[in-house]
Amino acid sequence: MANSKNRGFRKVTAAVLMLAALLSGCAGRYRVKCVSGEQYVVSCPKHAKPGETVRLETVCVTDADLYVNSTDGTEIRYIKEGIYEFEMPDHDFEFKVTVISNGLA
């Protein structure tokens, strides 16, 4: 009887340790998500740590104007065509990509 209780305790302990190991990779990290215009995003990390410089890559457009804006007012800096960066805030971050025809097409 004591042996089966001990085995059960070891299984629970192993499960808790495994869960802690899996979650430790996400500790202190927040979600980065495109909520509109995701078809224009080429690359974007799914998570980042507060204060980390996050780089977004979008498609390059020639017949329209492309805008990348945060939903919470966090500044997103234009680096060069198709490349944008921002400093990760201490909360989940959402942004949107908008393409507006510039009448040149």
PDB file of N, CA and C in Angstrom:
ATOM      1  N   MET A   1       0.822  -1.196   0.000  1.00  0.00           N
ATOM      2  CA  MET A   1       0.000   0.000   0.000  1.00  0.00           C
ATOM      3  C   MET A   1       0.865   1.258   0.000  1.00  0.00           C
ATOM      4  N   ALA A   2       1.854   1.323   0.867  1.00  0.00           N
ATOM      5  CA  ALA A   2       2.721   2.491   0.934  1.00  0.00           C
ATOM      6  C   ALA A   2       3.499   2.651  -0.362  1.00  0.00           C
ATOM      7  N   ASN A   3       3.869   1.536  -0.969  1.00  0.00           N
ATOM      8  CA  ASN A   3       4.632   1.573  -2.211  1.00  0.00           C
ATOM      9  C   ASN A   3       3.794   2.179  -3.344  1.00  0.00           C
ATOM     10  N   SER A   4       2.504   1.850  -3.428  1.00  0.00           N
ATOM     11  CA  SER A   4       1.659   2.410  -4.488  1.00  0.00           C
ATOM     12  C   SER A   4       1.392   3.895  -4.253  1.00  0.00           C
ATOM     13  N   LYS A   5       1.291   4.317  -2.983  1.00  0.00           N
ATOM     14  CA  LYS A   5       1.133   5.747  -2.688  1.00  0.00           C
ATOM     15  C   LYS A   5       2.390   6.502  -3.112  1.00  0.00           C
ATOM     16  N   ASN A   6       3.536   5.903  -2.832  1.00  0.00           N
ATOM     17  CA  ASN A   6       4.816   6.521  -3.184  1.00  0.00           C
ATOM     18  C   ASN A   6       4.945   6.658  -4.699  1.00  0.00           C
ATOM     19  N   ARG A   7       4.534   5.628  -5.431  1.00  0.00           N
ATOM     20  CA  ARG A   7       4.576   5.677  -6.898  1.00  0.00           C
ATOM     21  C   ARG A   7       3.650   6.758  -7.444  1.00  0.00           C
ATOM     22  N   GLY A   8       2.465   6.868  -6.861  1.00  0.00           N
ATOM     23  CA  GLY A   8       1.511   7.894  -7.283  1.00  0.00           C
ATOM     24  C   GLY A   8       2.048   9.297  -7.025  1.00  0.00           C
ATOM     25  N   PHE A   9       2.698   9.460  -5.876  1.00  0.00           N
ATOM     26  CA  PHE A   9       3.291  10.754  -5.544  1.00  0.00           C
ATOM     27  C   PHE A   9       4.405  11.093  -6.537  1.00  0.00           C
ATOM     28  N   ARG A  10       5.211  10.106  -6.904  1.00  0.00           N
ATOM     29  CA  ARG A  10       6.300  10.333  -7.869  1.00  0.00           C
ATOM     30  C   ARG A  10       5.752  10.728  -9.234  1.00  0.00           C
ATOM     31  N   LYS A  11       4.648  10.105  -9.650  1.00  0.00           N
ATOM     32  CA  LYS A  11       4.048  10.448 -10.942  1.00  0.00           C
ATOM     33  C   LYS A  11       3.539  11.887 -10.946  1.00  0.00           C
ATOM     34  N   VAL A  12       2.877  12.285  -9.863  1.00  0.00           N
ATOM     35  CA  VAL A  12       2.370  13.650  -9.759  1.00  0.00           C
ATOM     36  C   VAL A  12       3.532  14.637  -9.742  1.00  0.00           C
ATOM     37  N   THR A  13       4.573  14.325  -8.981  1.00  0.00           N
ATOM     38  CA  THR A  13       5.750  15.191  -8.916  1.00  0.00           C
ATOM     39  C   THR A  13       6.392  15.317 -10.294  1.00  0.00           C
ATOM     40  N   ALA A  14       6.509  14.227 -11.020  1.00  0.00           N
ATOM     41  CA  ALA A  14       7.098  14.256 -12.357  1.00  0.00           C
ATOM     42  C   ALA A  14       6.249  15.102 -13.303  1.00  0.00           C
ATOM     43  N   ALA A  15       4.938  14.972 -13.197  1.00  0.00           N
ATOM     44  CA  ALA A  15       4.048  15.756 -14.061  1.00  0.00           C
ATOM     45  C   ALA A  15       4.175  17.250 -13.753  1.00  0.00           C
ATOM     46  N   VAL A  16       4.252  17.605 -12.483  1.00  0.00           N
ATOM     47  CA  VAL A  16       4.388  19.012 -12.094  1.00  0.00           C
ATOM     48  C   VAL A  16       5.719  19.562 -12.580  1.00  0.00           C
ATOM     49  N   LEU A  17       6.799  18.797 -12.430  1.00  0.00           N
ATOM     50  CA  LEU A  17       8.113  19.247 -12.893  1.00  0.00           C
ATOM     51  C   LEU A  17       8.143  19.415 -14.405  1.00  0.00           C
ATOM     52  N   MET A  18       7.500  18.521 -15.142  1.00  0.00           N
ATOM     53  CA  MET A  18       7.458  18.614 -16.596  1.00  0.00           C
ATOM     54  C   MET A  18       6.678  19.862 -17.024  1.00  0.00           C
ATOM     55  N   LEU A  19       5.554  20.126 -16.362  1.00  0.00           N
ATOM     56  CA  LEU A  19       4.756  21.310 -16.671  1.00  0.00           C
ATOM     57  C   LEU A  19       5.548  22.582 -16.369  1.00  0.00           C
ATOM     58  N   ALA A  20       6.262  22.588 -15.256  1.00  0.00           N
ATOM     59  CA  ALA A  20       7.079  23.754 -14.899  1.00  0.00           C
ATOM     60  C   ALA A  20       8.177  23.979 -15.936  1.00  0.00           C
ATOM     61  N   ALA A  21       8.789  22.911 -16.420  1.00  0.00           N
ATOM     62  CA  ALA A  21       9.836  23.039 -17.435  1.00  0.00           C
ATOM     63  C   ALA A  21       9.270  23.597 -18.737  1.00  0.00           C
ATOM     64  N   LEU A  22       8.087  23.153 -19.113  1.00  0.00           N
ATOM     65  CA  LEU A  22       7.464  23.647 -20.340  1.00  0.00           C
ATOM     66  C   LEU A  22       7.090  25.118 -20.213  1.00  0.00           C
ATOM     67  N   LEU A  23       6.569  25.506 -19.074  1.00  0.00           N
ATOM     68  CA  LEU A  23       6.124  26.882 -18.885  1.00  0.00           C
ATOM     69  C   LEU A  23       7.268  27.850 -18.646  1.00  0.00           C
ATOM     70  N   SER A  24       8.401  27.360 -18.192  1.00  0.00           N
ATOM     71  CA  SER A  24       9.515  28.261 -17.889  1.00  0.00           C
ATOM     72  C   SER A  24      10.014  28.963 -19.153  1.00  0.00           C
ATOM     73  N   GLY A  25       9.851  28.347 -20.301  1.00  0.00           N
ATOM     74  CA  GLY A  25      10.247  28.983 -21.555  1.00  0.00           C
ATOM     75  C   GLY A  25       9.361  30.169 -21.894  1.00  0.00           C
ATOM     76  N   CYS A  26       8.149  30.215 -21.357  1.00  0.00           N
ATOM     77  CA  CYS A  26       7.220  31.312 -21.627  1.00  0.00           C
ATOM     78  C   CYS A  26       7.181  32.335 -20.491  1.00  0.00           C
ATOM     79  N   ALA A  27       7.860  32.037 -19.400  1.00  0.00           N
ATOM     80  CA  ALA A  27       7.816  32.938 -18.235  1.00  0.00           C
ATOM     81  C   ALA A  27       8.385  34.297 -18.617  1.00  0.00           C
ATOM     82  N   GLY A  28       7.657  35.341 -18.283  1.00  0.00           N
ATOM     83  CA  GLY A  28       8.123  36.688 -18.561  1.00  0.00           C
ATOM     84  C   GLY A  28       8.020  37.087 -20.022  1.00  0.00           C
ATOM     85  N   ARG A  29       7.334  36.313 -20.802  1.00  0.00           N
ATOM     86  CA  ARG A  29       7.171  36.611 -22.226  1.00  0.00           C
ATOM     87  C   ARG A  29       5.706  36.901 -22.486  1.00  0.00           C
ATOM     88  N   TYR A  30       5.480  37.770 -23.473  1.00  0.00           N
ATOM     89  CA  TYR A  30       4.119  38.136 -23.833  1.00  0.00           C
ATOM     90  C   TYR A  30       3.880  37.861 -25.313  1.00  0.00           C
ATOM     91  N   ARG A  31       2.614  37.740 -25.660  1.00  0.00           N
ATOM     92  CA  ARG A  31       2.208  37.375 -27.016  1.00  0.00           C
ATOM     93  C   ARG A  31       2.318  38.581 -27.957  1.00  0.00           C
ATOM     94  N   VAL A  32       2.725  38.303 -29.193  1.00  0.00           N
ATOM     95  CA  VAL A  32       2.748  39.297 -30.271  1.00  0.00           C
ATOM     96  C   VAL A  32       1.794  38.766 -31.333  1.00  0.00           C
ATOM     97  N   LYS A  33       0.787  39.575 -31.715  1.00  0.00           N
ATOM     98  CA  LYS A  33      -0.221  39.065 -32.645  1.00  0.00           C
ATOM     99  C   LYS A  33      -0.681  40.146 -33.612  1.00  0.00           C
ATOM    100  N   CYS A  34      -0.759  39.773 -34.881  1.00  0.00           N
ATOM    101  CA  CYS A  34      -1.350  40.641 -35.896  1.00  0.00           C
ATOM    102  C   CYS A  34      -2.854  40.375 -35.886  1.00  0.00           C
ATOM    103  N   VAL A  35      -3.642  41.430 -35.650  1.00  0.00           N
ATOM    104  CA  VAL A  35      -5.090  41.260 -35.547  1.00  0.00           C
ATOM    105  C   VAL A  35      -5.831  41.676 -36.824  1.00  0.00           C
ATOM    106  N   SER A  36      -5.100  42.268 -37.764  1.00  0.00           N
ATOM    107  CA  SER A  36      -5.722  42.679 -39.022  1.00  0.00           C
ATOM    108  C   SER A  36      -4.626  42.830 -40.073  1.00  0.00           C
ATOM    109  N   GLY A  37      -4.852  42.289 -41.254  1.00  0.00           N
ATOM    110  CA  GLY A  37      -3.873  42.386 -42.331  1.00  0.00           C
ATOM    111  C   GLY A  37      -2.759  41.365 -42.233  1.00  0.00           C
ATOM    112  N   GLU A  38      -3.027  40.252 -41.563  1.00  0.00           N
ATOM    113  CA  GLU A  38      -1.986  39.233 -41.381  1.00  0.00           C
ATOM    114  C   GLU A  38      -1.456  38.666 -42.694  1.00  0.00           C
ATOM    115  N   GLN A  39      -2.224  38.799 -43.776  1.00  0.00           N
ATOM    116  CA  GLN A  39      -1.756  38.308 -45.078  1.00  0.00           C
ATOM    117  C   GLN A  39      -0.566  39.109 -45.595  1.00  0.00           C
ATOM    118  N   TYR A  40      -0.319  40.283 -45.020  1.00  0.00           N
ATOM    119  CA  TYR A  40       0.819  41.117 -45.439  1.00  0.00           C
ATOM    120  C   TYR A  40       2.066  40.897 -44.579  1.00  0.00           C
ATOM    121  N   VAL A  41       1.945  40.098 -43.518  1.00  0.00           N
ATOM    122  CA  VAL A  41       3.071  39.849 -42.607  1.00  0.00           C
ATOM    123  C   VAL A  41       3.877  38.658 -43.101  1.00  0.00           C
ATOM    124  N   VAL A  42       5.184  38.880 -43.315  1.00  0.00           N
ATOM    125  CA  VAL A  42       6.081  37.816 -43.758  1.00  0.00           C
ATOM    126  C   VAL A  42       6.643  37.077 -42.555  1.00  0.00           C
ATOM    127  N   SER A  43       7.091  37.820 -41.529  1.00  0.00           N
ATOM    128  CA  SER A  43       7.592  37.178 -40.318  1.00  0.00           C
ATOM    129  C   SER A  43       7.348  38.065 -39.111  1.00  0.00           C
ATOM    130  N   CYS A  44       7.069  37.387 -38.005  1.00  0.00           N
ATOM    131  CA  CYS A  44       6.786  38.066 -36.745  1.00  0.00           C
ATOM    132  C   CYS A  44       6.916  37.026 -35.638  1.00  0.00           C
ATOM    133  N   PRO A  45       7.657  37.327 -34.563  1.00  0.00           N
ATOM    134  CA  PRO A  45       7.733  36.352 -33.474  1.00  0.00           C
ATOM    135  C   PRO A  45       6.376  36.219 -32.789  1.00  0.00           C
ATOM    136  N   LYS A  46       6.108  35.072 -32.210  1.00  0.00           N
ATOM    137  CA  LYS A  46       4.844  34.851 -31.515  1.00  0.00           C
ATOM    138  C   LYS A  46       4.884  35.370 -30.083  1.00  0.00           C
ATOM    139  N   HIS A  47       6.088  35.442 -29.493  1.00  0.00           N
ATOM    140  CA  HIS A  47       6.259  35.912 -28.116  1.00  0.00           C
ATOM    141  C   HIS A  47       7.532  36.738 -28.008  1.00  0.00           C
ATOM    142  N   ALA A  48       7.580  37.624 -27.017  1.00  0.00           N
ATOM    143  CA  ALA A  48       8.787  38.403 -26.755  1.00  0.00           C
ATOM    144  C   ALA A  48       8.790  38.839 -25.290  1.00  0.00           C
ATOM    145  N   LYS A  49       9.985  39.155 -24.798  1.00  0.00           N
ATOM    146  CA  LYS A  49      10.144  39.623 -23.420  1.00  0.00           C
ATOM    147  C   LYS A  49      10.021  41.140 -23.378  1.00  0.00           C
ATOM    148  N   PRO A  50       9.508  41.689 -22.271  1.00  0.00           N
ATOM    149  CA  PRO A  50       9.410  43.145 -22.147  1.00  0.00           C
ATOM    150  C   PRO A  50      10.773  43.805 -22.348  1.00  0.00           C
ATOM    151  N   GLY A  51      10.786  44.904 -23.112  1.00  0.00           N
ATOM    152  CA  GLY A  51      12.020  45.625 -23.384  1.00  0.00           C
ATOM    153  C   GLY A  51      12.799  45.106 -24.573  1.00  0.00           C
ATOM    154  N   GLU A  52      12.449  43.934 -25.060  1.00  0.00           N
ATOM    155  CA  GLU A  52      13.137  43.339 -26.210  1.00  0.00           C
ATOM    156  C   GLU A  52      12.736  44.085 -27.487  1.00  0.00           C
ATOM    157  N   THR A  53      13.704  44.309 -28.387  1.00  0.00           N
ATOM    158  CA  THR A  53      13.384  44.908 -29.682  1.00  0.00           C
ATOM    159  C   THR A  53      12.831  43.817 -30.580  1.00  0.00           C
ATOM    160  N   VAL A  54      11.616  44.026 -31.047  1.00  0.00           N
ATOM    161  CA  VAL A  54      10.925  43.045 -31.877  1.00  0.00           C
ATOM    162  C   VAL A  54      10.910  43.549 -33.310  1.00  0.00           C
ATOM    163  N   ARG A  55      11.263  42.688 -34.241  1.00  0.00           N
ATOM    164  CA  ARG A  55      11.288  43.045 -35.657  1.00  0.00           C
ATOM    165  C   ARG A  55      10.142  42.353 -36.381  1.00  0.00           C
ATOM    166  N   LEU A  56       9.398  43.151 -37.155  1.00  0.00           N
ATOM    167  CA  LEU A  56       8.318  42.643 -37.999  1.00  0.00           C
ATOM    168  C   LEU A  56       8.738  42.807 -39.448  1.00  0.00           C
ATOM    169  N   GLU A  57       8.422  41.827 -40.261  1.00  0.00           N
ATOM    170  CA  GLU A  57       8.702  41.934 -41.692  1.00  0.00           C
ATOM    171  C   GLU A  57       7.390  41.795 -42.448  1.00  0.00           C
ATOM    172  N   THR A  58       7.157  42.740 -43.360  1.00  0.00           N
ATOM    173  CA  THR A  58       5.942  42.709 -44.169  1.00  0.00           C
ATOM    174  C   THR A  58       6.323  42.557 -45.640  1.00  0.00           C
ATOM    175  N   VAL A  59       5.321  42.300 -46.451  1.00  0.00           N
ATOM    176  CA  VAL A  59       5.541  42.295 -47.896  1.00  0.00           C
ATOM    177  C   VAL A  59       5.871  43.722 -48.322  1.00  0.00           C
ATOM    178  N   CYS A  60       6.523  43.876 -49.428  1.00  0.00           N
ATOM    179  CA  CYS A  60       6.791  45.201 -49.993  1.00  0.00           C
ATOM    180  C   CYS A  60       5.741  45.454 -51.065  1.00  0.00           C
ATOM    181  N   VAL A  61       5.120  46.610 -51.018  1.00  0.00           N
ATOM    182  CA  VAL A  61       4.106  46.956 -52.013  1.00  0.00           C
ATOM    183  C   VAL A  61       4.579  48.161 -52.813  1.00  0.00           C
ATOM    184  N   THR A  62       4.246  48.176 -54.093  1.00  0.00           N
ATOM    185  CA  THR A  62       4.666  49.290 -54.954  1.00  0.00           C
ATOM    186  C   THR A  62       3.485  50.110 -55.440  1.00  0.00           C
ATOM    187  N   ASP A  63       2.296  49.534 -55.410  1.00  0.00           N
ATOM    188  CA  ASP A  63       1.126  50.229 -55.946  1.00  0.00           C
ATOM    189  C   ASP A  63       0.148  50.651 -54.848  1.00  0.00           C
ATOM    190  N   ALA A  64       0.639  50.714 -53.607  1.00  0.00           N
ATOM    191  CA  ALA A  64      -0.213  51.097 -52.474  1.00  0.00           C
ATOM    192  C   ALA A  64       0.683  51.548 -51.324  1.00  0.00           C
ATOM    193  N   ASP A  65       0.062  52.091 -50.288  1.00  0.00           N
ATOM    194  CA  ASP A  65       0.783  52.491 -49.080  1.00  0.00           C
ATOM    195  C   ASP A  65       0.468  51.483 -47.985  1.00  0.00           C
ATOM    196  N   LEU A  66       1.508  50.987 -47.318  1.00  0.00           N
ATOM    197  CA  LEU A  66       1.351  49.994 -46.269  1.00  0.00           C
ATOM    198  C   LEU A  66       1.670  50.647 -44.927  1.00  0.00           C
ATOM    199  N   TYR A  67       0.790  50.460 -43.949  1.00  0.00           N
ATOM    200  CA  TYR A  67       0.953  51.032 -42.614  1.00  0.00           C
ATOM    201  C   TYR A  67       0.915  49.919 -41.580  1.00  0.00           C
ATOM    202  N   VAL A  68       1.808  50.001 -40.590  1.00  0.00           N
ATOM    203  CA  VAL A  68       1.826  49.064 -39.471  1.00  0.00           C
ATOM    204  C   VAL A  68       1.606  49.892 -38.207  1.00  0.00           C
ATOM    205  N   ASN A  69       0.533  49.586 -37.477  1.00  0.00           N
ATOM    206  CA  ASN A  69       0.190  50.345 -36.281  1.00  0.00           C
ATOM    207  C   ASN A  69      -0.158  49.403 -35.135  1.00  0.00           C
ATOM    208  N   SER A  70       0.224  49.808 -33.931  1.00  0.00           N
ATOM    209  CA  SER A  70      -0.158  49.033 -32.748  1.00  0.00           C
ATOM    210  C   SER A  70      -1.586  49.398 -32.366  1.00  0.00           C
ATOM    211  N   THR A  71      -2.238  48.502 -31.662  1.00  0.00           N
ATOM    212  CA  THR A  71      -3.602  48.783 -31.215  1.00  0.00           C
ATOM    213  C   THR A  71      -3.618  49.542 -29.900  1.00  0.00           C
ATOM    214  N   ASP A  72      -2.457  49.647 -29.219  1.00  0.00           N
ATOM    215  CA  ASP A  72      -2.412  50.314 -27.908  1.00  0.00           C
ATOM    216  C   ASP A  72      -1.570  51.584 -27.887  1.00  0.00           C
ATOM    217  N   GLY A  73      -1.115  52.048 -29.054  1.00  0.00           N
ATOM    218  CA  GLY A  73      -0.334  53.276 -29.104  1.00  0.00           C
ATOM    219  C   GLY A  73       1.168  53.094 -28.981  1.00  0.00           C
ATOM    220  N   THR A  74       1.638  51.861 -28.797  1.00  0.00           N
ATOM    221  CA  THR A  74       3.076  51.602 -28.757  1.00  0.00           C
ATOM    222  C   THR A  74       3.683  52.026 -30.085  1.00  0.00           C
ATOM    223  N   GLU A  75       4.814  52.727 -30.035  1.00  0.00           N
ATOM    224  CA  GLU A  75       5.459  53.205 -31.260  1.00  0.00           C
ATOM    225  C   GLU A  75       6.063  52.037 -32.039  1.00  0.00           C
ATOM    226  N   ILE A  76       5.746  51.971 -33.315  1.00  0.00           N
ATOM    227  CA  ILE A  76       6.372  51.016 -34.233  1.00  0.00           C
ATOM    228  C   ILE A  76       7.211  51.840 -35.195  1.00  0.00           C
ATOM    229  N   ARG A  77       8.513  51.565 -35.236  1.00  0.00           N
ATOM    230  CA  ARG A  77       9.436  52.340 -36.063  1.00  0.00           C
ATOM    231  C   ARG A  77       9.619  51.691 -37.439  1.00  0.00           C
ATOM    232  N   TYR A  78       9.563  52.518 -38.472  1.00  0.00           N
ATOM    233  CA  TYR A  78       9.869  52.092 -39.837  1.00  0.00           C
ATOM    234  C   TYR A  78      11.393  52.052 -39.948  1.00  0.00           C
ATOM    235  N   ILE A  79      11.952  50.908 -40.326  1.00  0.00           N
ATOM    236  CA  ILE A  79      13.401  50.758 -40.476  1.00  0.00           C
ATOM    237  C   ILE A  79      13.787  50.917 -41.943  1.00  0.00           C
ATOM    238  N   LYS A  80      13.173  50.132 -42.772  1.00  0.00           N
ATOM    239  CA  LYS A  80      13.315  50.227 -44.221  1.00  0.00           C
ATOM    240  C   LYS A  80      12.119  49.512 -44.821  1.00  0.00           C
ATOM    241  N   GLU A  81      12.007  49.549 -46.133  1.00  0.00           N
ATOM    242  CA  GLU A  81      10.829  48.967 -46.768  1.00  0.00           C
ATOM    243  C   GLU A  81      10.620  47.517 -46.333  1.00  0.00           C
ATOM    244  N   GLY A  82       9.472  47.265 -45.737  1.00  0.00           N
ATOM    245  CA  GLY A  82       9.116  45.919 -45.298  1.00  0.00           C
ATOM    246  C   GLY A  82       9.633  45.548 -43.914  1.00  0.00           C
ATOM    247  N   ILE A  83      10.378  46.431 -43.247  1.00  0.00           N
ATOM    248  CA  ILE A  83      10.951  46.123 -41.926  1.00  0.00           C
ATOM    249  C   ILE A  83      10.507  47.179 -40.916  1.00  0.00           C
ATOM    250  N   TYR A  84       9.966  46.717 -39.802  1.00  0.00           N
ATOM    251  CA  TYR A  84       9.491  47.579 -38.721  1.00  0.00           C
ATOM    252  C   TYR A  84       9.973  46.992 -37.398  1.00  0.00           C
ATOM    253  N   GLU A  85      10.184  47.855 -36.394  1.00  0.00           N
ATOM    254  CA  GLU A  85      10.605  47.402 -35.074  1.00  0.00           C
ATOM    255  C   GLU A  85       9.849  48.155 -33.991  1.00  0.00           C
ATOM    256  N   PHE A  86       9.716  47.518 -32.844  1.00  0.00           N
ATOM    257  CA  PHE A  86       9.140  48.163 -31.671  1.00  0.00           C
ATOM    258  C   PHE A  86       9.741  47.531 -30.429  1.00  0.00           C
ATOM    259  N   GLU A  87       9.630  48.229 -29.319  1.00  0.00           N
ATOM    260  CA  GLU A  87      10.087  47.694 -28.044  1.00  0.00           C
ATOM    261  C   GLU A  87       8.906  46.984 -27.391  1.00  0.00           C
ATOM    262  N   MET A  88       9.113  45.732 -27.025  1.00  0.00           N
ATOM    263  CA  MET A  88       8.022  44.938 -26.461  1.00  0.00           C
ATOM    264  C   MET A  88       7.579  45.509 -25.125  1.00  0.00           C
ATOM    265  N   PRO A  89       6.271  45.833 -24.997  1.00  0.00           N
ATOM    266  CA  PRO A  89       5.749  46.312 -23.715  1.00  0.00           C
ATOM    267  C   PRO A  89       5.607  45.151 -22.724  1.00  0.00           C
ATOM    268  N   ASP A  90       5.199  45.459 -21.518  1.00  0.00           N
ATOM    269  CA  ASP A  90       5.052  44.415 -20.503  1.00  0.00           C
ATOM    270  C   ASP A  90       3.625  43.853 -20.469  1.00  0.00           C
ATOM    271  N   HIS A  91       3.090  43.623 -21.654  1.00  0.00           N
ATOM    272  CA  HIS A  91       1.769  43.012 -21.817  1.00  0.00           C
ATOM    273  C   HIS A  91       1.686  42.449 -23.235  1.00  0.00           C
ATOM    274  N   ASP A  92       0.650  41.674 -23.497  1.00  0.00           N
ATOM    275  CA  ASP A  92       0.442  41.162 -24.851  1.00  0.00           C
ATOM    276  C   ASP A  92       0.354  42.337 -25.815  1.00  0.00           C
ATOM    277  N   PHE A  93       0.887  42.136 -27.009  1.00  0.00           N
ATOM    278  CA  PHE A  93       0.975  43.209 -27.999  1.00  0.00           C
ATOM    279  C   PHE A  93       0.213  42.811 -29.254  1.00  0.00           C
ATOM    280  N   GLU A  94      -0.624  43.703 -29.745  1.00  0.00           N
ATOM    281  CA  GLU A  94      -1.360  43.467 -30.981  1.00  0.00           C
ATOM    282  C   GLU A  94      -1.094  44.612 -31.952  1.00  0.00           C
ATOM    283  N   PHE A  95      -0.999  44.265 -33.224  1.00  0.00           N
ATOM    284  CA  PHE A  95      -0.790  45.279 -34.253  1.00  0.00           C
ATOM    285  C   PHE A  95      -1.636  44.945 -35.461  1.00  0.00           C
ATOM    286  N   LYS A  96      -1.783  45.942 -36.331  1.00  0.00           N
ATOM    287  CA  LYS A  96      -2.539  45.728 -37.565  1.00  0.00           C
ATOM    288  C   LYS A  96      -1.769  46.298 -38.742  1.00  0.00           C
ATOM    289  N   VAL A  97      -1.950  45.680 -39.878  1.00  0.00           N
ATOM    290  CA  VAL A  97      -1.318  46.136 -41.120  1.00  0.00           C
ATOM    291  C   VAL A  97      -2.450  46.562 -42.048  1.00  0.00           C
ATOM    292  N   THR A  98      -2.320  47.782 -42.558  1.00  0.00           N
ATOM    293  CA  THR A  98      -3.337  48.330 -43.452  1.00  0.00           C
ATOM    294  C   THR A  98      -2.677  48.713 -44.769  1.00  0.00           C
ATOM    295  N   VAL A  99      -3.300  48.358 -45.856  1.00  0.00           N
ATOM    296  CA  VAL A  99      -2.806  48.729 -47.186  1.00  0.00           C
ATOM    297  C   VAL A  99      -3.870  49.605 -47.834  1.00  0.00           C
ATOM    298  N   ILE A 100      -3.441  50.787 -48.286  1.00  0.00           N
ATOM    299  CA  ILE A 100      -4.359  51.742 -48.925  1.00  0.00           C
ATOM    300  C   ILE A 100      -3.816  52.073 -50.303  1.00  0.00           C
ATOM    301  N   SER A 101      -4.666  51.959 -51.302  1.00  0.00           N
ATOM    302  CA  SER A 101      -4.272  52.273 -52.664  1.00  0.00           C
ATOM    303  C   SER A 101      -3.830  53.728 -52.756  1.00  0.00           C
ATOM    304  N   ASN A 102      -2.709  53.946 -53.427  1.00  0.00           N
ATOM    305  CA  ASN A 102      -2.205  55.332 -53.555  1.00  0.00           C
ATOM    306  C   ASN A 102      -2.550  55.943 -54.925  1.00  0.00           C
ATOM    307  N   GLY A 103      -3.347  55.219 -55.714  1.00  0.00           N
ATOM    308  CA  GLY A 103      -3.805  55.743 -56.989  1.00  0.00           C
ATOM    309  C   GLY A 103      -2.783  55.660 -58.116  1.00  0.00           C
ATOM    310  N   LEU A 104      -1.643  55.012 -57.861  1.00  0.00           N
ATOM    311  CA  LEU A 104      -0.614  54.908 -58.905  1.00  0.00           C
ATOM    312  C   LEU A 104      -0.811  53.694 -59.792  1.00  0.00           C
ATOM    313  N   ALA A 105      -1.670  52.793 -59.392  1.00  0.00           N
ATOM    314  CA  ALA A 105      -1.845  51.557 -60.182  1.00  0.00           C
ATOM    315  C   ALA A 105      -2.723  51.804 -61.370  1.00  0.00           C
TER     316      ALA A 105
END
